Amino acid sequence: MAFCKLSVDAVASNTVQVDNIFFNNYLPFASGECVKVYLYGLYKCSDSGSKDNTLENFANELKMSVEEVESCFYYWQEQGLVQILEVIPFEVRFLPITNALNGNKKYNVKKYATFNEQAQEIISGRMITPKEYEEYYNIIENCHMEKEALIMVIKYCVDTKKDDKLGYSYITTVAKDWANRGLTTAKQIEEQILQFESLNSGIEYVCKTIKLKRLPTLNERTLYKSWKELGFDDEVILFVAKSLKKPNFEYMDTVFRKYYSLKLFTRDDIQNFESEKKESMKIAKQITSNLGLYYENLEPVVENYVYKWFNMGFSIDMLLSISNYAFKTNVRTLEGMDKVLAKFHKMGILSMQSLNEYFDDVLSVDKKIKNILEEIGLSRHVNQFDRDKYKIWTESWHLPDDVIEYASSIAKGKDQPMQYLATILSTYHDKNIKTVEEAKDAFQIAKTKSEEKKENNKRSYSRDEMNAVFQSIEEIDV
């Protein structure tokens, strides 16, 4: 008969492998010898029909004694991963690892005799059921919490709730939460309880402030402890609790996390921030109203836009004015206004004074362009194309206004006068003409050449001259 073999359930999978659960829940807490025996046993199960599959050979191959191997298998039986079928000859069946996690594990009650007595003594108002004991055993073995540590957890929960009939679901929730946070030894649990007890007076004041007519839950105690660890003292915590409408621990936690991210730790810092935030909310409401928008919750507007614009250096008057101008020019979204402000920021226009100066400059230029359009015979509004052209003439080519005005008088009455004007000014730029006198001389020269060209075009030829020309063309060898 094979020494190591798989259970029927394990064989049904047609594979022999090490479940990840083993590495997460069992390997870190087992001795090196036990791990070696378990893994090698799995290997031997894949060849259970071999004659060499005996306890003695198994021990020899691992350089261990038979007694050491048996001791390791008894350990794994306690963990619910194997079942010892026979002692003589020694025979082991490997079980699906999920069985142990699903509560199919068999516990040695004698091992927990002292634990059971201590737990029952603490929960004196009712009898602990076998099912409840199994839950405690699961925590001890699956969460690897010391028995003494779990006893301390039970006592803490009963004392905190002041209830010697306390249900075990609360106790197991607390124990698992602390185990998940790495609190598994009696020393660690003791330190945790001492920390909570030192915070009792402070958290009681918070509960009174928010009119909580019950004892704080474990989660609420944990949240309060985390605020202290973040650096908030009791005065600040109570101040925040009093300042919030309908506060609770979960909402206060989001508030403290936000203050922490903003590095606001004192009462004055928080008061100033909230005062500025209140003012920013009013500004956000006015801006969105000017843009024709409505937001039930303005906090995202403040956080994503208003704060950003303030940090860029824009004044309140500037923001309100731009929102009005934006609406009138069909820029009616926060994203659109943000783009407008980004351009003003790039230009260094941050205040109403600088904005007014910019508007005056733009309007002054538009007035000059309007005069040019009227001079060349065009009756329309100034557009961006006109502005771009004018900017090239004046800023890139450095042509004076009087030279442009003179060229405009020449272009008047022409077909497509704007293009004609652009051609003239391009010529002035190419010839480095910078004064009206130079422009007039250039015009006179161009006029003379044009007249000569016209005269040449009007020249007539005799019949003999025409015949001579055409005869010469016929003689050309193509």
Protein backbone atom coordinates (compact mmCIF):
# COMPACT_ATOMS: atom_id res chain seq x y z
CA MET A 1 0.00 0.00 0.00
CA ALA A 2 1.32 3.47 -0.93
CA PHE A 3 2.71 5.54 1.89
CA CYS A 4 1.65 8.94 0.37
CA LYS A 5 -1.41 9.32 -1.82
CA LEU A 6 -3.95 11.94 -2.86
CA SER A 7 -7.56 12.09 -1.77
CA VAL A 8 -10.26 11.28 -4.33
CA ASP A 9 -11.12 15.01 -4.61
CA ALA A 10 -7.51 15.94 -5.31
CA VAL A 11 -7.02 13.18 -7.90
CA ALA A 12 -10.16 14.29 -9.74
CA SER A 13 -8.40 17.43 -10.88
CA ASN A 14 -5.85 15.34 -12.83
CA THR A 15 -3.11 17.63 -11.63
CA VAL A 16 -0.75 17.73 -8.70
CA GLN A 17 0.27 21.27 -7.87
CA VAL A 18 0.97 23.56 -4.94
CA ASP A 19 -1.92 25.94 -4.39
CA ASN A 20 -1.02 29.60 -3.86
CA ILE A 21 -3.01 29.42 -0.62
CA PHE A 22 -0.26 27.22 0.79
CA PHE A 23 2.37 29.90 0.18
CA ASN A 24 0.16 32.67 1.60
CA ASN A 25 -1.42 30.96 4.61
CA TYR A 26 0.80 28.08 5.65
CA LEU A 27 4.40 28.22 4.44
CA PRO A 28 5.38 31.42 6.36
CA PHE A 29 4.34 29.82 9.68
CA ALA A 30 5.63 26.28 9.27
CA SER A 31 9.14 25.07 10.06
CA GLY A 32 11.54 24.40 7.23
CA GLU A 33 11.36 20.65 7.90
CA CYS A 34 7.56 20.64 7.77
CA VAL A 35 7.53 22.57 4.48
CA LYS A 36 10.08 20.14 3.02
CA VAL A 37 7.99 17.11 4.08
CA TYR A 38 4.73 18.60 2.68
CA LEU A 39 6.19 19.50 -0.72
CA TYR A 40 8.07 16.23 -1.11
CA GLY A 41 4.95 14.36 -0.06
CA LEU A 42 3.01 16.02 -2.88
CA TYR A 43 5.70 14.90 -5.28
CA LYS A 44 5.55 11.32 -4.02
CA CYS A 45 1.75 11.30 -4.39
CA SER A 46 2.17 11.63 -8.14
CA ASP A 47 3.90 8.21 -8.08
CA SER A 48 1.87 6.52 -5.35
CA GLY A 49 2.03 3.12 -7.05
CA SER A 50 5.81 2.87 -6.76
CA LYS A 51 7.27 0.21 -4.44
CA ASP A 52 9.70 2.82 -3.16
CA ASN A 53 6.81 4.91 -1.81
CA THR A 54 7.38 4.00 1.86
CA LEU A 55 7.92 5.98 5.03
CA GLU A 56 11.46 4.66 5.44
CA ASN A 57 12.52 5.56 1.90
CA PHE A 58 10.81 8.93 2.25
CA ALA A 59 12.81 9.70 5.42
CA ASN A 60 16.10 8.51 3.86
CA GLU A 61 15.61 10.66 0.76
CA LEU A 62 15.06 13.77 2.90
CA LYS A 63 17.95 12.89 5.24
CA MET A 64 15.50 12.86 8.17
CA SER A 65 14.53 10.28 10.76
CA VAL A 66 11.21 8.42 10.52
CA GLU A 67 10.09 10.06 13.77
CA GLU A 68 10.81 13.54 12.37
CA VAL A 69 8.79 12.82 9.24
CA GLU A 70 5.86 11.49 11.29
CA SER A 71 5.97 14.59 13.52
CA CYS A 72 5.77 16.83 10.44
CA PHE A 73 2.77 14.96 9.10
CA TYR A 74 1.01 15.24 12.45
CA TYR A 75 1.58 19.01 12.23
CA TRP A 76 0.00 19.14 8.77
CA GLN A 77 -2.91 17.03 10.01
CA GLU A 78 -3.57 19.68 12.67
CA GLN A 79 -3.55 22.28 9.90
CA GLY A 80 -6.15 20.27 7.98
CA LEU A 81 -3.97 19.64 4.93
CA VAL A 82 -3.42 15.90 5.37
CA GLN A 83 -5.13 12.94 7.06
CA ILE A 84 -3.16 10.15 8.72
CA LEU A 85 -5.05 6.97 7.74
CA GLU A 86 -2.87 4.36 9.42
CA VAL A 87 -0.09 4.44 11.98
CA ILE A 88 1.29 0.92 11.28
CA PRO A 89 2.17 0.95 8.47
CA PHE A 90 2.18 4.75 8.32
CA GLU A 91 -0.16 6.03 5.61
CA VAL A 92 -1.02 9.65 4.74
CA ARG A 93 -3.70 11.13 2.50
CA PHE A 94 -3.21 14.67 1.13
CA LEU A 95 -6.42 16.74 1.22
CA PRO A 96 -7.52 19.67 -0.96
CA ILE A 97 -6.12 22.77 0.69
CA THR A 98 -9.48 24.55 0.41
CA ASN A 99 -11.02 22.07 2.85
CA ALA A 100 -9.04 23.60 5.71
CA LEU A 101 -10.14 27.13 4.80
CA ASN A 102 -13.78 26.08 4.41
CA GLY A 103 -14.03 24.86 7.99
CA ASN A 104 -13.53 21.19 7.32
CA LYS A 105 -10.50 21.22 9.55
CA LYS A 106 -10.48 19.00 12.65
CA TYR A 107 -9.21 20.67 15.80
CA ASN A 108 -7.58 19.10 18.80
CA VAL A 109 -9.93 20.25 21.57
CA LYS A 110 -7.44 19.29 24.31
CA LYS A 111 -5.00 21.76 22.76
CA TYR A 112 -7.47 24.56 23.41
CA ALA A 113 -8.72 23.51 26.87
CA THR A 114 -7.12 26.45 28.70
CA PHE A 115 -8.20 28.87 25.98
CA ASN A 116 -11.79 27.64 26.21
CA GLU A 117 -11.89 28.16 29.97
CA GLN A 118 -10.47 31.68 29.72
CA ALA A 119 -12.86 32.69 26.94
CA GLN A 120 -15.91 31.36 28.81
CA GLU A 121 -14.83 33.17 31.98
CA ILE A 122 -14.77 36.49 30.08
CA ILE A 123 -18.07 35.90 28.25
CA SER A 124 -19.79 34.96 31.48
CA GLY A 125 -23.31 36.00 30.56
CA ARG A 126 -23.91 33.13 28.12
CA MET A 127 -22.51 29.77 27.07
CA ILE A 128 -20.03 29.67 24.21
CA THR A 129 -21.21 27.23 21.52
CA PRO A 130 -18.98 24.71 19.69
CA LYS A 131 -19.50 26.72 16.49
CA GLU A 132 -18.20 29.86 18.21
CA TYR A 133 -15.15 27.99 19.52
CA GLU A 134 -14.41 26.80 15.98
CA GLU A 135 -14.49 30.40 14.77
CA TYR A 136 -11.92 31.30 17.41
CA TYR A 137 -9.78 28.29 16.47
CA ASN A 138 -9.92 29.37 12.81
CA ILE A 139 -8.58 32.79 13.73
CA ILE A 140 -5.78 31.30 15.81
CA GLU A 141 -4.67 28.84 13.14
CA ASN A 142 -5.61 30.52 9.84
CA CYS A 143 -4.77 34.08 10.90
CA HIS A 144 -1.90 32.80 13.05
CA MET A 145 -2.92 34.80 16.08
CA GLU A 146 -1.57 33.71 19.44
CA LYS A 147 -4.15 32.19 21.81
CA GLU A 148 -3.19 34.71 24.50
CA ALA A 149 -3.62 37.54 21.97
CA LEU A 150 -7.13 36.39 21.05
CA ILE A 151 -8.09 36.19 24.74
CA MET A 152 -6.99 39.83 25.08
CA VAL A 153 -9.12 40.77 22.06
CA ILE A 154 -12.17 39.03 23.55
CA LYS A 155 -11.71 40.83 26.88
CA TYR A 156 -11.21 44.19 25.18
CA CYS A 157 -14.41 43.79 23.13
CA VAL A 158 -16.49 42.77 26.17
CA ASP A 159 -15.07 45.60 28.31
CA THR A 160 -15.54 48.19 25.56
CA LYS A 161 -19.14 47.18 24.88
CA LYS A 162 -19.75 46.58 28.59
CA ASP A 163 -21.66 43.45 27.63
CA ASP A 164 -20.77 40.00 29.06
CA LYS A 165 -23.26 38.47 26.58
CA LEU A 166 -21.54 40.04 23.57
CA GLY A 167 -22.05 38.07 20.32
CA TYR A 168 -19.01 36.48 18.78
CA SER A 169 -19.47 38.09 15.33
CA TYR A 170 -18.26 41.41 16.74
CA ILE A 171 -15.32 39.75 18.46
CA THR A 172 -14.23 37.83 15.35
CA THR A 173 -14.57 40.98 13.21
CA VAL A 174 -12.24 42.88 15.52
CA ALA A 175 -9.78 39.99 15.74
CA LYS A 176 -9.61 39.48 11.96
CA ASP A 177 -9.22 43.20 11.33
CA TRP A 178 -6.28 43.43 13.74
CA ALA A 179 -4.74 40.23 12.36
CA ASN A 180 -4.98 41.64 8.83
CA ARG A 181 -3.04 44.65 10.08
CA GLY A 182 -0.30 42.38 11.40
CA LEU A 183 -1.37 42.43 15.06
CA THR A 184 -1.15 38.77 16.03
CA THR A 185 1.00 38.55 19.17
CA ALA A 186 -0.03 39.27 22.75
CA LYS A 187 2.47 42.13 22.90
CA GLN A 188 1.14 43.75 19.75
CA ILE A 189 -2.48 43.44 20.91
CA GLU A 190 -1.57 44.89 24.30
CA GLU A 191 0.05 47.91 22.65
CA GLN A 192 -2.99 48.40 20.43
CA ILE A 193 -5.38 48.29 23.38
CA LEU A 194 -3.24 50.73 25.37
CA GLN A 195 -3.30 53.14 22.45
CA PHE A 196 -7.07 52.92 22.19
CA GLU A 197 -7.48 53.40 25.93
CA SER A 198 -5.27 56.50 25.87
CA LEU A 199 -7.60 57.95 23.23
CA ASN A 200 -10.81 57.19 25.09
CA SER A 201 -11.29 60.63 26.67
CA GLY A 202 -10.69 62.42 23.37
CA ILE A 203 -13.02 60.25 21.34
CA GLU A 204 -15.71 60.58 24.01
CA TYR A 205 -15.64 64.37 23.55
CA VAL A 206 -15.95 63.92 19.80
CA CYS A 207 -18.96 61.62 20.25
CA LYS A 208 -20.63 64.20 22.51
CA THR A 209 -19.87 66.99 20.05
CA ILE A 210 -21.52 65.20 17.15
CA LYS A 211 -24.32 64.00 19.45
CA LEU A 212 -23.55 60.30 19.00
CA LYS A 213 -25.67 58.54 21.61
CA ARG A 214 -23.78 55.27 21.67
CA LEU A 215 -20.30 53.93 22.20
CA PRO A 216 -17.92 54.41 19.25
CA THR A 217 -17.38 51.37 17.06
CA LEU A 218 -14.01 49.80 16.47
CA ASN A 219 -13.85 51.42 13.04
CA GLU A 220 -14.61 54.83 14.54
CA ARG A 221 -11.90 54.35 17.16
CA THR A 222 -9.49 53.38 14.39
CA LEU A 223 -10.39 56.50 12.40
CA TYR A 224 -9.90 58.73 15.43
CA LYS A 225 -6.53 57.11 16.09
CA SER A 226 -5.50 57.68 12.46
CA TRP A 227 -6.29 61.43 12.74
CA LYS A 228 -3.99 61.67 15.72
CA GLU A 229 -1.30 59.81 13.80
CA LEU A 230 -1.67 62.26 10.89
CA GLY A 231 -0.79 65.09 13.28
CA PHE A 232 -4.14 66.60 14.34
CA ASP A 233 -4.47 67.36 18.06
CA ASP A 234 -7.69 67.09 20.09
CA GLU A 235 -8.39 70.83 19.91
CA VAL A 236 -8.36 70.78 16.11
CA ILE A 237 -10.39 67.55 15.92
CA LEU A 238 -13.10 69.00 18.17
CA PHE A 239 -13.06 72.30 16.26
CA VAL A 240 -13.64 70.47 12.97
CA ALA A 241 -16.36 68.29 14.52
CA LYS A 242 -18.21 71.41 15.73
CA SER A 243 -17.86 73.22 12.41
CA LEU A 244 -19.40 70.48 10.25
CA LYS A 245 -23.11 70.11 9.57
CA LYS A 246 -24.46 66.67 10.45
CA PRO A 247 -20.97 65.21 10.94
CA ASN A 248 -20.09 61.54 11.28
CA PHE A 249 -16.77 59.76 11.60
CA GLU A 250 -16.61 58.65 7.95
CA TYR A 251 -17.26 62.18 6.62
CA MET A 252 -14.84 63.70 9.14
CA ASP A 253 -12.20 61.26 7.92
CA THR A 254 -12.52 62.60 4.35
CA VAL A 255 -12.22 66.15 5.71
CA PHE A 256 -9.09 65.37 7.74
CA ARG A 257 -7.52 63.54 4.81
CA LYS A 258 -8.11 66.62 2.68
CA TYR A 259 -6.63 68.96 5.31
CA TYR A 260 -3.65 66.63 5.59
CA SER A 261 -3.06 66.73 1.82
CA LEU A 262 -3.17 70.55 1.98
CA LYS A 263 -0.82 70.60 5.01
CA LEU A 264 -3.44 72.32 7.19
CA PHE A 265 -2.88 71.25 10.80
CA THR A 266 -3.75 74.24 13.00
CA ARG A 267 -7.08 75.82 13.82
CA ASP A 268 -6.05 79.14 12.21
CA ASP A 269 -4.90 77.44 9.00
CA ILE A 270 -8.20 75.57 8.71
CA GLN A 271 -10.29 78.67 9.53
CA ASN A 272 -8.47 80.73 6.88
CA PHE A 273 -8.84 77.95 4.33
CA GLU A 274 -12.57 77.53 4.98
CA SER A 275 -13.10 81.32 4.89
CA GLU A 276 -11.31 81.55 1.53
CA LYS A 277 -13.24 78.54 0.31
CA LYS A 278 -16.54 80.18 1.26
CA GLU A 279 -15.57 83.30 -0.66
CA SER A 280 -14.42 81.17 -3.59
CA MET A 281 -17.79 79.43 -3.65
CA LYS A 282 -19.51 82.83 -4.04
CA ILE A 283 -17.15 83.75 -6.86
CA ALA A 284 -17.69 80.36 -8.53
CA LYS A 285 -21.44 80.89 -8.35
CA GLN A 286 -21.16 84.33 -9.95
CA ILE A 287 -18.79 83.12 -12.69
CA THR A 288 -20.99 80.17 -13.64
CA SER A 289 -24.04 82.47 -13.60
CA ASN A 290 -22.26 84.94 -15.93
CA LEU A 291 -21.48 82.04 -18.28
CA GLY A 292 -25.12 80.89 -18.20
CA LEU A 293 -24.25 77.70 -16.29
CA TYR A 294 -25.76 76.06 -13.21
CA TYR A 295 -24.01 73.67 -10.82
CA GLU A 296 -25.80 72.17 -7.83
CA ASN A 297 -22.41 71.39 -6.29
CA LEU A 298 -19.83 74.13 -6.84
CA GLU A 299 -16.93 72.41 -5.05
CA PRO A 300 -15.54 70.85 -8.28
CA VAL A 301 -15.68 74.29 -9.94
CA VAL A 302 -13.74 75.83 -7.05
CA GLU A 303 -11.17 73.04 -6.85
CA ASN A 304 -10.63 72.56 -10.60
CA TYR A 305 -10.88 76.16 -11.82
CA VAL A 306 -11.21 78.99 -9.29
CA TYR A 307 -8.26 77.89 -7.13
CA LYS A 308 -6.22 77.39 -10.28
CA TRP A 309 -7.03 80.88 -11.56
CA PHE A 310 -6.21 82.44 -8.19
CA ASN A 311 -2.88 80.62 -8.15
CA MET A 312 -2.15 81.98 -11.63
CA GLY A 313 -2.52 85.49 -10.16
CA PHE A 314 -5.86 86.65 -11.58
CA SER A 315 -7.84 89.15 -9.50
CA ILE A 316 -11.51 88.60 -8.62
CA ASP A 317 -12.59 91.60 -10.75
CA MET A 318 -10.63 90.19 -13.66
CA LEU A 319 -12.32 86.77 -13.41
CA LEU A 320 -15.80 88.25 -13.17
CA SER A 321 -15.20 90.60 -16.10
CA ILE A 322 -13.75 87.85 -18.30
CA SER A 323 -16.74 85.60 -17.55
CA ASN A 324 -19.02 88.41 -18.77
CA TYR A 325 -16.95 89.03 -21.89
CA ALA A 326 -16.75 85.28 -22.55
CA PHE A 327 -20.54 84.90 -22.52
CA LYS A 328 -20.97 87.83 -24.94
CA THR A 329 -18.49 86.26 -27.35
CA ASN A 330 -20.14 82.80 -27.19
CA VAL A 331 -17.49 81.30 -24.89
CA ARG A 332 -19.95 79.73 -22.47
CA THR A 333 -18.11 76.88 -20.78
CA LEU A 334 -15.58 76.75 -17.95
CA GLU A 335 -13.16 74.97 -20.27
CA GLY A 336 -13.50 77.78 -22.81
CA MET A 337 -12.97 80.47 -20.18
CA ASP A 338 -9.95 78.55 -18.89
CA LYS A 339 -8.39 78.67 -22.36
CA VAL A 340 -9.01 82.42 -22.61
CA LEU A 341 -7.40 82.99 -19.20
CA ALA A 342 -4.44 80.80 -20.16
CA LYS A 343 -3.77 83.14 -23.11
CA PHE A 344 -4.08 86.24 -20.93
CA HIS A 345 -1.72 84.63 -18.40
CA LYS A 346 0.82 83.98 -21.13
CA MET A 347 0.57 87.66 -22.12
CA GLY A 348 0.97 88.79 -18.49
CA ILE A 349 -2.53 90.26 -18.32
CA LEU A 350 -3.73 89.45 -14.79
CA SER A 351 -5.50 92.57 -13.48
CA MET A 352 -8.32 94.82 -14.64
CA GLN A 353 -5.86 97.63 -15.28
CA SER A 354 -3.71 95.51 -17.60
CA LEU A 355 -6.88 94.10 -19.23
CA ASN A 356 -8.24 97.59 -19.90
CA GLU A 357 -4.90 98.64 -21.37
CA TYR A 358 -4.94 95.59 -23.62
CA PHE A 359 -8.51 96.30 -24.73
CA ASP A 360 -7.55 99.93 -25.47
CA ASP A 361 -4.61 98.76 -27.58
CA VAL A 362 -6.74 96.27 -29.51
CA LEU A 363 -9.53 98.79 -30.09
CA SER A 364 -7.00 101.44 -31.15
CA VAL A 365 -5.55 99.07 -33.74
CA ASP A 366 -9.02 98.07 -34.90
CA LYS A 367 -9.86 101.75 -35.36
CA LYS A 368 -6.80 102.22 -37.58
CA ILE A 369 -7.67 99.12 -39.60
CA LYS A 370 -11.27 100.35 -39.94
CA ASN A 371 -9.97 103.64 -41.38
CA ILE A 372 -7.86 101.70 -43.89
CA LEU A 373 -10.88 99.61 -44.94
CA GLU A 374 -12.97 102.74 -45.45
CA GLU A 375 -10.12 104.41 -47.38
CA ILE A 376 -9.92 101.53 -49.89
CA GLY A 377 -13.69 101.44 -50.20
CA LEU A 378 -14.65 98.47 -48.04
CA SER A 379 -17.59 98.81 -45.63
CA ARG A 380 -17.39 95.87 -43.22
CA HIS A 381 -16.27 94.92 -39.71
CA VAL A 382 -12.62 94.32 -38.92
CA ASN A 383 -11.82 90.59 -38.79
CA GLN A 384 -8.87 88.56 -37.54
CA PHE A 385 -7.43 88.28 -41.04
CA ASP A 386 -7.25 92.08 -41.17
CA ARG A 387 -5.55 92.19 -37.76
CA ASP A 388 -2.99 89.56 -38.77
CA LYS A 389 -2.16 91.46 -41.96
CA TYR A 390 -1.83 94.77 -40.13
CA LYS A 391 0.43 93.15 -37.53
CA ILE A 392 2.76 91.93 -40.30
CA TRP A 393 2.86 95.36 -41.93
CA THR A 394 3.57 97.26 -38.72
CA GLU A 395 5.46 94.81 -36.46
CA SER A 396 7.27 92.51 -38.90
CA TRP A 397 7.87 94.93 -41.81
CA HIS A 398 7.98 98.11 -39.64
CA LEU A 399 5.99 100.17 -42.12
CA PRO A 400 4.82 103.54 -40.69
CA ASP A 401 1.09 104.34 -40.54
CA ASP A 402 1.40 107.28 -42.97
CA VAL A 403 3.02 105.01 -45.57
CA ILE A 404 0.17 102.50 -45.14
CA GLU A 405 -2.36 105.35 -45.45
CA TYR A 406 -0.71 106.53 -48.67
CA ALA A 407 -0.74 103.00 -50.11
CA SER A 408 -4.43 102.77 -49.15
CA SER A 409 -5.19 105.85 -51.25
CA ILE A 410 -3.56 104.15 -54.24
CA ALA A 411 -5.56 100.93 -53.71
CA LYS A 412 -8.87 102.79 -53.55
CA GLY A 413 -11.20 101.84 -56.39
CA LYS A 414 -9.18 98.83 -57.47
CA ASP A 415 -10.60 95.34 -57.88
CA GLN A 416 -9.97 93.39 -54.66
CA PRO A 417 -8.46 96.47 -52.99
CA MET A 418 -7.23 94.62 -49.87
CA GLN A 419 -5.10 92.25 -51.93
CA TYR A 420 -3.91 95.22 -54.05
CA LEU A 421 -2.92 97.08 -50.91
CA ALA A 422 -1.05 94.03 -49.60
CA THR A 423 0.90 93.83 -52.91
CA ILE A 424 1.90 97.47 -52.73
CA LEU A 425 3.07 97.19 -49.14
CA SER A 426 5.01 94.01 -49.97
CA THR A 427 6.83 95.99 -52.65
CA TYR A 428 7.60 98.75 -50.15
CA HIS A 429 9.03 96.14 -47.79
CA ASP A 430 11.17 94.54 -50.51
CA LYS A 431 12.57 97.96 -51.53
CA ASN A 432 13.00 99.12 -47.93
CA ILE A 433 10.67 102.08 -48.41
CA LYS A 434 9.95 103.69 -45.04
CA THR A 435 8.69 107.24 -45.86
CA VAL A 436 5.79 108.68 -47.82
CA GLU A 437 8.23 110.59 -50.07
CA GLU A 438 9.97 107.35 -51.01
CA ALA A 439 6.60 105.73 -51.59
CA LYS A 440 5.51 108.59 -53.87
CA ASP A 441 8.74 108.40 -55.88
CA ALA A 442 8.31 104.64 -56.25
CA PHE A 443 4.71 105.16 -57.33
CA GLN A 444 5.71 107.77 -59.93
CA ILE A 445 8.39 105.47 -61.35
CA ALA A 446 5.95 102.57 -61.47
CA LYS A 447 3.35 104.83 -63.12
CA THR A 448 5.80 105.98 -65.81
CA LYS A 449 6.80 102.41 -66.58
CA SER A 450 3.16 101.41 -66.74
CA GLU A 451 2.38 104.19 -69.21
CA GLU A 452 5.34 103.22 -71.36
CA LYS A 453 4.14 99.66 -71.34
CA LYS A 454 0.69 100.78 -72.42
CA GLU A 455 2.18 102.85 -75.26
CA ASN A 456 4.17 99.84 -76.40
CA ASN A 457 1.04 97.76 -76.34
CA LYS A 458 -0.69 100.35 -78.56
CA ARG A 459 2.06 100.28 -81.31
CA SER A 460 0.81 99.33 -84.86
CA TYR A 461 2.62 97.40 -87.61
CA SER A 462 2.39 97.65 -91.47
CA ARG A 463 1.35 94.72 -93.64
CA ASP A 464 4.91 94.24 -94.89
CA GLU A 465 6.22 94.18 -91.29
CA MET A 466 3.60 91.59 -90.26
CA ASN A 467 4.45 89.38 -93.28
CA ALA A 468 8.14 89.52 -92.44
CA VAL A 469 7.46 88.37 -88.87
CA PHE A 470 5.21 85.48 -89.85
CA GLN A 471 7.64 84.37 -92.59
CA SER A 472 10.39 84.19 -89.96
CA ILE A 473 8.17 82.01 -87.79
CA GLU A 474 7.48 79.60 -90.65
CA GLU A 475 11.20 79.15 -91.21
CA ILE A 476 11.74 77.93 -87.61
CA ASP A 477 12.41 74.17 -87.56
CA VAL A 478 10.27 72.72 -84.77
